C-alpha atoms as a PDB file:
ATOM      1  CA  MET A   1       9.190  71.005 -52.928  1.00  0.00           C
ATOM      2  CA  GLN A   2       8.548  67.235 -53.300  1.00  0.00           C
ATOM      3  CA  GLN A   3       5.120  67.684 -54.039  1.00  0.00           C
ATOM      4  CA  GLN A   4       3.094  64.176 -54.454  1.00  0.00           C
ATOM      5  CA  PRO A   5       0.745  64.330 -57.572  1.00  0.00           C
ATOM      6  CA  THR A   6      -3.032  65.232 -56.269  1.00  0.00           C
ATOM      7  CA  ALA A   7      -6.257  63.981 -57.318  1.00  0.00           C
ATOM      8  CA  LEU A   8      -5.437  61.584 -59.946  1.00  0.00           C
ATOM      9  CA  GLU A   9      -8.323  59.431 -61.183  1.00  0.00           C
ATOM     10  CA  GLY A  10      -6.859  56.266 -62.534  1.00  0.00           C
ATOM     11  CA  ILE A  11      -4.719  55.996 -65.717  1.00  0.00           C
ATOM     12  CA  GLY A  12      -7.143  57.617 -67.704  1.00  0.00           C
ATOM     13  CA  TYR A  13      -6.353  60.729 -66.251  1.00  0.00           C
ATOM     14  CA  LYS A  14      -2.841  60.209 -66.289  1.00  0.00           C
ATOM     15  CA  GLN A  15      -2.754  59.505 -69.807  1.00  0.00           C
ATOM     16  CA  GLN A  16      -4.147  62.893 -70.378  1.00  0.00           C
ATOM     17  CA  LEU A  17      -1.384  64.412 -68.293  1.00  0.00           C
ATOM     18  CA  LEU A  18       1.172  62.441 -70.431  1.00  0.00           C
ATOM     19  CA  ARG A  19      -0.785  63.222 -73.925  1.00  0.00           C
ATOM     20  CA  ALA A  20      -0.321  66.912 -72.660  1.00  0.00           C
ATOM     21  CA  VAL A  21       3.875  66.587 -72.091  1.00  0.00           C
ATOM     22  CA  TYR A  22       3.628  64.895 -75.570  1.00  0.00           C
ATOM     23  CA  GLY A  23       1.701  67.627 -77.007  1.00  0.00           C
ATOM     24  CA  VAL A  24       3.746  70.613 -75.919  1.00  0.00           C
ATOM     25  CA  TYR A  25       6.979  68.831 -76.578  1.00  0.00           C
ATOM     26  CA  SER A  26       6.467  67.424 -80.303  1.00  0.00           C
ATOM     27  CA  PRO A  27       6.184  71.009 -82.020  1.00  0.00           C
ATOM     28  CA  TRP A  28       9.000  72.344 -79.970  1.00  0.00           C
ATOM     29  CA  VAL A  29      11.481  69.374 -80.902  1.00  0.00           C
ATOM     30  CA  GLU A  30      10.203  69.514 -84.586  1.00  0.00           C
ATOM     31  CA  ARG A  31      11.754  72.867 -85.101  1.00  0.00           C
ATOM     32  CA  PHE A  32      15.664  71.202 -84.582  1.00  0.00           C
ATOM     33  CA  PRO A  33      16.742  70.391 -87.924  1.00  0.00           C
ATOM     34  CA  LEU A  34      17.834  66.519 -86.728  1.00  0.00           C
ATOM     35  CA  ALA A  35      19.292  63.923 -88.769  1.00  0.00           C
ATOM     36  CA  CYS A  36      16.816  61.382 -87.333  1.00  0.00           C
ATOM     37  CA  LYS A  37      14.806  60.017 -90.347  1.00  0.00           C
ATOM     38  CA  LYS A  38      12.116  56.957 -90.622  1.00  0.00           C
ATOM     39  CA  GLY A  39      14.376  53.715 -90.804  1.00  0.00           C
ATOM     40  CA  CYS A  40      16.813  55.168 -88.437  1.00  0.00           C
ATOM     41  CA  ALA A  41      17.063  52.891 -85.492  1.00  0.00           C
ATOM     42  CA  ALA A  42      20.426  53.020 -84.079  1.00  0.00           C
ATOM     43  CA  CYS A  43      18.835  54.501 -80.501  1.00  0.00           C
ATOM     44  CA  CYS A  44      15.950  52.225 -80.897  1.00  0.00           C
ATOM     45  CA  THR A  45      17.821  49.457 -77.994  1.00  0.00           C
ATOM     46  CA  GLN A  46      16.410  47.932 -74.954  1.00  0.00           C
ATOM     47  CA  SER A  47      17.922  50.114 -73.035  1.00  0.00           C
ATOM     48  CA  VAL A  48      15.077  52.695 -73.337  1.00  0.00           C
ATOM     49  CA  THR A  49      13.639  53.465 -69.919  1.00  0.00           C
ATOM     50  CA  MET A  50      10.129  54.170 -69.263  1.00  0.00           C
ATOM     51  CA  THR A  51       7.532  54.412 -66.521  1.00  0.00           C
ATOM     52  CA  SER A  52       4.727  52.064 -65.644  1.00  0.00           C
ATOM     53  CA  MET A  53       1.989  54.863 -66.976  1.00  0.00           C
ATOM     54  CA  GLU A  54       3.785  54.872 -70.290  1.00  0.00           C
ATOM     55  CA  GLY A  55       3.868  50.982 -70.219  1.00  0.00           C
ATOM     56  CA  GLU A  56      -0.005  50.884 -69.518  1.00  0.00           C
ATOM     57  CA  MET A  57      -0.562  53.398 -72.665  1.00  0.00           C
ATOM     58  CA  ILE A  58       1.701  50.865 -74.914  1.00  0.00           C
ATOM     59  CA  LEU A  59      -0.180  47.950 -73.759  1.00  0.00           C
ATOM     60  CA  ASP A  60      -3.421  49.199 -74.389  1.00  0.00           C
ATOM     61  CA  PHE A  61      -2.432  50.087 -78.029  1.00  0.00           C
ATOM     62  CA  VAL A  62      -1.318  46.420 -78.582  1.00  0.00           C
ATOM     63  CA  ARG A  63      -4.268  45.286 -77.133  1.00  0.00           C
ATOM     64  CA  ARG A  64      -6.307  47.222 -79.818  1.00  0.00           C
ATOM     65  CA  GLU A  65      -3.976  46.328 -82.648  1.00  0.00           C
ATOM     66  CA  GLY A  66      -4.618  42.426 -81.430  1.00  0.00           C
ATOM     67  CA  ARG A  67      -0.944  41.897 -80.775  1.00  0.00           C
ATOM     68  CA  GLU A  68      -1.238  40.794 -77.188  1.00  0.00           C
ATOM     69  CA  LYS A  69      -0.575  37.226 -77.449  1.00  0.00           C
ATOM     70  CA  TRP A  70       2.632  38.366 -80.117  1.00  0.00           C
ATOM     71  CA  LEU A  71       3.905  40.627 -77.002  1.00  0.00           C
ATOM     72  CA  LEU A  72       3.588  38.002 -74.652  1.00  0.00           C
ATOM     73  CA  GLU A  73       5.438  35.828 -76.832  1.00  0.00           C
ATOM     74  CA  LYS A  74       8.340  38.152 -77.481  1.00  0.00           C
ATOM     75  CA  LEU A  75       8.366  39.221 -73.482  1.00  0.00           C
ATOM     76  CA  ASP A  76       8.171  35.578 -72.165  1.00  0.00           C
ATOM     77  CA  ARG A  77      11.331  35.125 -73.934  1.00  0.00           C
ATOM     78  CA  ASP A  78      12.899  37.906 -73.121  1.00  0.00           C
ATOM     79  CA  ARG A  79      15.249  37.709 -70.236  1.00  0.00           C
ATOM     80  CA  PRO A  80      14.442  40.834 -67.746  1.00  0.00           C
ATOM     81  CA  GLY A  81      17.358  42.947 -66.165  1.00  0.00           C
ATOM     82  CA  LYS A  82      19.630  42.998 -69.143  1.00  0.00           C
ATOM     83  CA  SER A  83      20.278  46.720 -68.945  1.00  0.00           C
ATOM     84  CA  THR A  84      19.387  48.014 -65.611  1.00  0.00           C
ATOM     85  CA  ALA A  85      19.990  51.226 -63.397  1.00  0.00           C
ATOM     86  CA  ALA A  86      20.068  51.924 -59.831  1.00  0.00           C
ATOM     87  CA  MET A  87      18.821  55.317 -59.950  1.00  0.00           C
ATOM     88  CA  THR A  88      15.821  56.964 -61.552  1.00  0.00           C
ATOM     89  CA  THR A  89      16.282  60.465 -63.173  1.00  0.00           C
ATOM     90  CA  ASN A  90      14.541  62.098 -60.346  1.00  0.00           C
ATOM     91  CA  HIS A  91      16.494  60.364 -57.878  1.00  0.00           C
ATOM     92  CA  PHE A  92      19.605  60.985 -59.819  1.00  0.00           C
ATOM     93  CA  ALA A  93      18.330  64.816 -59.849  1.00  0.00           C
ATOM     94  CA  LYS A  94      18.041  64.870 -55.964  1.00  0.00           C
ATOM     95  CA  ALA A  95      21.557  63.516 -55.490  1.00  0.00           C
ATOM     96  CA  CYS A  96      22.907  66.368 -57.857  1.00  0.00           C
ATOM     97  CA  LEU A  97      20.898  68.984 -56.226  1.00  0.00           C
ATOM     98  CA  ASP A  98      21.867  67.625 -52.933  1.00  0.00           C
ATOM     99  CA  HIS A  99      25.628  67.907 -53.809  1.00  0.00           C
ATOM    100  CA  GLN A 100      26.205  64.142 -53.510  1.00  0.00           C
ATOM    101  CA  GLU A 101      28.722  62.155 -55.183  1.00  0.00           C
ATOM    102  CA  VAL A 102      27.083  59.862 -57.822  1.00  0.00           C
ATOM    103  CA  CYS A 103      28.735  56.597 -58.878  1.00  0.00           C
ATOM    104  CA  VAL A 104      28.667  55.900 -62.672  1.00  0.00           C
ATOM    105  CA  ASP A 105      27.801  52.576 -61.937  1.00  0.00           C
ATOM    106  CA  ASN A 106      24.540  53.370 -60.771  1.00  0.00           C
ATOM    107  CA  TRP A 107      23.607  53.787 -64.509  1.00  0.00           C
ATOM    108  CA  GLY A 108      24.148  50.302 -64.890  1.00  0.00           C
ATOM    109  CA  SER A 109      24.995  48.707 -68.289  1.00  0.00           C
ATOM    110  CA  TRP A 110      23.843  49.543 -71.967  1.00  0.00           C
ATOM    111  CA  ASP A 111      22.064  46.769 -73.778  1.00  0.00           C
ATOM    112  CA  PHE A 112      22.268  47.635 -77.480  1.00  0.00           C
ATOM    113  CA  THR A 113      19.743  44.656 -78.653  1.00  0.00           C
ATOM    114  CA  PRO A 114      17.104  46.124 -80.866  1.00  0.00           C
ATOM    115  CA  CYS A 115      13.827  47.093 -79.585  1.00  0.00           C
ATOM    116  CA  ILE A 116      11.556  44.316 -79.658  1.00  0.00           C
ATOM    117  CA  PHE A 117       8.799  46.835 -81.489  1.00  0.00           C
ATOM    118  CA  LEU A 118      11.202  47.310 -84.224  1.00  0.00           C
ATOM    119  CA  VAL A 119       9.752  46.073 -87.810  1.00  0.00           C
ATOM    120  CA  GLU A 120      12.199  46.320 -90.681  1.00  0.00           C
ATOM    121  CA  ASN A 121      13.994  49.219 -88.596  1.00  0.00           C
ATOM    122  CA  THR A 122      10.391  50.992 -87.982  1.00  0.00           C
ATOM    123  CA  CYS A 123       8.529  51.553 -84.713  1.00  0.00           C
ATOM    124  CA  SER A 124       5.225  49.814 -84.804  1.00  0.00           C
ATOM    125  CA  ILE A 125       4.029  51.215 -81.957  1.00  0.00           C
ATOM    126  CA  TYR A 126       5.238  54.769 -82.927  1.00  0.00           C
ATOM    127  CA  GLU A 127       1.833  56.736 -81.875  1.00  0.00           C
ATOM    128  CA  VAL A 128       2.348  55.583 -78.094  1.00  0.00           C
ATOM    129  CA  ARG A 129       6.163  55.124 -77.989  1.00  0.00           C
ATOM    130  CA  PRO A 130       7.478  56.445 -74.780  1.00  0.00           C
ATOM    131  CA  PHE A 131       8.826  59.715 -73.944  1.00  0.00           C
ATOM    132  CA  GLY A 132      12.652  58.272 -73.815  1.00  0.00           C
ATOM    133  CA  CYS A 133      12.061  57.069 -77.973  1.00  0.00           C
ATOM    134  CA  ARG A 134      10.447  60.555 -78.423  1.00  0.00           C
ATOM    135  CA  SER A 135      13.301  62.511 -76.666  1.00  0.00           C
ATOM    136  CA  PHE A 136      16.046  60.740 -78.823  1.00  0.00           C
ATOM    137  CA  GLY A 137      17.437  63.004 -81.468  1.00  0.00           C
ATOM    138  CA  SER A 138      20.965  63.869 -83.289  1.00  0.00           C
ATOM    139  CA  PHE A 139      22.230  66.978 -85.448  1.00  0.00           C
ATOM    140  CA  VAL A 140      24.342  64.024 -87.133  1.00  0.00           C
ATOM    141  CA  LYS A 141      23.581  60.648 -88.521  1.00  0.00           C
ATOM    142  CA  CYS A 142      24.715  58.301 -85.578  1.00  0.00           C
ATOM    143  CA  GLY A 143      25.420  54.962 -85.737  1.00  0.00           C
ATOM    144  CA  ALA A 144      28.467  52.754 -85.077  1.00  0.00           C
ATOM    145  CA  GLY A 145      31.519  54.828 -84.122  1.00  0.00           C
ATOM    146  CA  ARG A 146      29.635  57.941 -84.026  1.00  0.00           C
ATOM    147  CA  ALA A 147      27.299  59.285 -80.886  1.00  0.00           C
ATOM    148  CA  ALA A 148      24.552  61.651 -81.107  1.00  0.00           C
ATOM    149  CA  GLU A 149      24.826  65.031 -81.053  1.00  0.00           C
ATOM    150  CA  ILE A 150      22.056  67.598 -79.867  1.00  0.00           C
ATOM    151  CA  ALA A 151      21.920  71.140 -78.172  1.00  0.00           C
ATOM    152  CA  PRO A 152      22.375  71.799 -74.595  1.00  0.00           C
ATOM    153  CA  ARG A 153      18.840  73.673 -74.435  1.00  0.00           C
ATOM    154  CA  HIS A 154      17.374  70.241 -76.049  1.00  0.00           C
ATOM    155  CA  LEU A 155      19.071  68.078 -73.530  1.00  0.00           C
ATOM    156  CA  ALA A 156      17.663  70.679 -70.503  1.00  0.00           C
ATOM    157  CA  VAL A 157      14.133  70.307 -71.913  1.00  0.00           C
ATOM    158  CA  ASN A 158      14.478  66.434 -72.253  1.00  0.00           C
ATOM    159  CA  THR A 159      15.385  66.227 -68.926  1.00  0.00           C
ATOM    160  CA  VAL A 160      13.024  68.520 -67.247  1.00  0.00           C
ATOM    161  CA  PHE A 161      10.020  66.519 -69.290  1.00  0.00           C
ATOM    162  CA  THR A 162      11.777  63.173 -68.044  1.00  0.00           C
ATOM    163  CA  GLN A 163      11.160  64.240 -64.614  1.00  0.00           C
ATOM    164  CA  ILE A 164       7.747  65.427 -65.054  1.00  0.00           C
ATOM    165  CA  ILE A 165       6.631  62.279 -66.507  1.00  0.00           C
ATOM    166  CA  GLU A 166       8.307  60.286 -63.589  1.00  0.00           C
ATOM    167  CA  HIS A 167       6.901  62.728 -61.318  1.00  0.00           C
ATOM    168  CA  VAL A 168       3.131  62.039 -62.668  1.00  0.00           C
ATOM    169  CA  SER A 169       3.902  58.099 -61.951  1.00  0.00           C
ATOM    170  CA  SER A 170       5.028  58.772 -58.368  1.00  0.00           C
ATOM    171  CA  ASP A 171       2.199  57.842 -56.558  1.00  0.00           C
ATOM    172  CA  GLY A 172       2.973  53.997 -56.576  1.00  0.00           C
ATOM    173  CA  GLY A 173       4.152  53.926 -60.022  1.00  0.00           C
ATOM    174  CA  TYR A 174       7.633  52.148 -61.092  1.00  0.00           C
ATOM    175  CA  TRP A 175      10.542  53.232 -63.676  1.00  0.00           C
ATOM    176  CA  ALA A 176      12.741  50.459 -65.501  1.00  0.00           C
ATOM    177  CA  THR A 177      13.450  49.444 -68.844  1.00  0.00           C
ATOM    178  CA  MET A 178      10.554  49.388 -71.118  1.00  0.00           C
ATOM    179  CA  ASN A 179      10.775  45.342 -71.402  1.00  0.00           C
ATOM    180  CA  ASP A 180      10.739  45.154 -67.678  1.00  0.00           C
ATOM    181  CA  ILE A 181       7.812  47.254 -67.275  1.00  0.00           C
ATOM    182  CA  LEU A 182       5.748  45.518 -70.020  1.00  0.00           C
ATOM    183  CA  LEU A 183       6.856  41.972 -67.898  1.00  0.00           C
ATOM    184  CA  SER A 184       5.263  43.708 -65.092  1.00  0.00           C
ATOM    185  CA  LEU A 185       2.332  44.849 -66.746  1.00  0.00           C
ATOM    186  CA  ALA A 186       1.726  41.880 -68.562  1.00  0.00           C
ATOM    187  CA  ASP A 187       2.453  39.504 -65.486  1.00  0.00           C
ATOM    188  CA  CYS A 188       4.430  37.231 -67.746  1.00  0.00           C
ATOM    189  CA  ASN A 189       5.382  33.642 -66.332  1.00  0.00           C
ATOM    190  CA  THR A 190       9.008  35.354 -65.757  1.00  0.00           C
ATOM    191  CA  GLN A 191       9.174  35.473 -61.699  1.00  0.00           C
ATOM    192  CA  ASP A 192      12.242  37.978 -61.349  1.00  0.00           C
ATOM    193  CA  TRP A 193      11.353  40.968 -63.193  1.00  0.00           C
ATOM    194  CA  LYS A 194      10.089  42.770 -59.960  1.00  0.00           C
ATOM    195  CA  ILE A 195      13.734  43.011 -58.768  1.00  0.00           C
ATOM    196  CA  HIS A 196      14.394  45.617 -61.736  1.00  0.00           C
ATOM    197  CA  LEU A 197      11.763  47.855 -61.115  1.00  0.00           C
ATOM    198  CA  LEU A 198      12.423  51.273 -58.990  1.00  0.00           C
ATOM    199  CA  PRO A 199       9.837  53.165 -57.489  1.00  0.00           C
ATOM    200  CA  ALA A 200       8.893  56.457 -59.283  1.00  0.00           C
ATOM    201  CA  GLN A 201       9.972  59.572 -57.640  1.00  0.00           C
ATOM    202  CA  PRO A 202       8.522  63.154 -57.388  1.00  0.00           C
ATOM    203  CA  VAL A 203      10.316  66.055 -58.425  1.00  0.00           C
ATOM    204  CA  PRO A 204      13.209  67.282 -56.167  1.00  0.00           C
ATOM    205  CA  GLY A 205      13.771  70.588 -58.298  1.00  0.00           C
ATOM    206  CA  PHE A 206      14.329  70.700 -62.097  1.00  0.00           C
ATOM    207  CA  LEU A 207      18.036  69.758 -63.110  1.00  0.00           C
ATOM    208  CA  ILE A 208      18.901  72.429 -65.279  1.00  0.00           C
ATOM    209  CA  GLU A 209      21.362  75.526 -65.570  1.00  0.00           C
ATOM    210  CA  PRO A 210      20.187  78.994 -64.719  1.00  0.00           C
ATOM    211  CA  HIS A 211      20.470  80.335 -68.294  1.00  0.00           C
ATOM    212  CA  GLU A 212      18.465  77.208 -69.550  1.00  0.00           C
ATOM    213  CA  LYS A 213      15.282  78.465 -67.352  1.00  0.00           C
ATOM    214  CA  HIS A 214      14.205  80.692 -69.957  1.00  0.00           C
ATOM    215  CA  THR A 215      13.745  78.183 -72.769  1.00  0.00           C
ATOM    216  CA  VAL A 216      12.087  75.737 -70.139  1.00  0.00           C
ATOM    217  CA  LYS A 217       9.779  78.506 -68.562  1.00  0.00           C
ATOM    218  CA  THR A 218       8.284  79.023 -71.979  1.00  0.00           C
ATOM    219  CA  LEU A 219       7.117  75.277 -72.453  1.00  0.00           C
ATOM    220  CA  LEU A 220       6.025  74.901 -68.821  1.00  0.00           C
ATOM    221  CA  LYS A 221       3.518  77.769 -69.371  1.00  0.00           C
ATOM    222  CA  GLN A 222       2.017  76.023 -72.270  1.00  0.00           C
ATOM    223  CA  LEU A 223       1.998  72.534 -70.166  1.00  0.00           C
ATOM    224  CA  ARG A 224       0.305  74.713 -67.317  1.00  0.00           C
ATOM    225  CA  GLU A 225      -2.321  76.017 -69.931  1.00  0.00           C
ATOM    226  CA  LYS A 226      -3.449  72.772 -70.999  1.00  0.00           C
ATOM    227  CA  PHE A 227      -4.325  71.840 -67.513  1.00  0.00           C
ATOM    228  CA  SER A 228      -5.214  75.391 -66.302  1.00  0.00           C
ATOM    229  CA  GLU A 229      -7.054  74.035 -63.082  1.00  0.00           C
ATOM    230  CA  LYS A 230      -4.547  73.918 -60.107  1.00  0.00           C
ATOM    231  CA  GLY A 231      -3.331  70.304 -59.940  1.00  0.00           C
ATOM    232  CA  VAL A 232      -0.560  68.306 -60.948  1.00  0.00           C
ATOM    233  CA  PHE A 233       1.307  70.811 -63.325  1.00  0.00           C
ATOM    234  CA  GLY A 234       0.293  73.930 -61.310  1.00  0.00           C
ATOM    235  CA  ASP A 235       1.663  72.667 -58.179  1.00  0.00           C
ATOM    236  CA  LEU A 236       4.716  71.064 -59.574  1.00  0.00           C
ATOM    237  CA  ILE A 237       5.553  74.158 -61.598  1.00  0.00           C
ATOM    238  CA  ASP A 238       5.087  76.744 -58.915  1.00  0.00           C
ATOM    239  CA  ASN A 239       6.611  74.715 -56.383  1.00  0.00           C
ATOM    240  CA  CYS A 240      10.049  74.080 -58.757  1.00  0.00           C
ATOM    241  CA  MET A 241       9.831  76.969 -61.171  1.00  0.00           C
ATOM    242  CA  PRO A 242       7.335  79.713 -60.668  1.00  0.00           C
ATOM    243  CA  ILE A 243       6.363  81.368 -63.931  1.00  0.00           C
END
């Protein structure tokens, strides 16, 4: 079941896979009556996690915008590892599926420092924001003293798509907070970022309830149709949730 990604031809192909995931997820989540609007930035903190594959896409975008020097200065001033976790999403999923007890401390502390890409409470890399940002949503306006609220099926799809994205990076990629990933890719002067990176893990099985499978299967079918040849998505879906 722990099938590794096959025949990945560099970051270009991985980004195609990532954009396919975004392309299926975005129209689906847009049907929810979410309270989130432009300028709402309560969730835009330095606790956002992502894969090194997503970090590559962000760095490419920043370089095209001519903001690489600005980013390097921002990252060089940042202290990596302020928000850390001992388990990736797929590592956590495997522990749960194996009926192992998971210590809440493994999720680390939450850092509410605003994201470095916020400009006047608006995301300046919105086009290439990682899935961790895309999956945030709430039926109510959240903020100080009020947590976000989403539907169970929304959470189920978020979990599965997060697992898939990590899986695509599991042939040598990493998972960590956004700043730590970008620090590693940009090779800043900070020397201790490496200890905060976790190897991305393959999907051990999808962490969802039986009644949530129908919604997830519909989206996985769309995802496989975007890459109909036998490959990463086909193998993964066939192994974890045959359609």
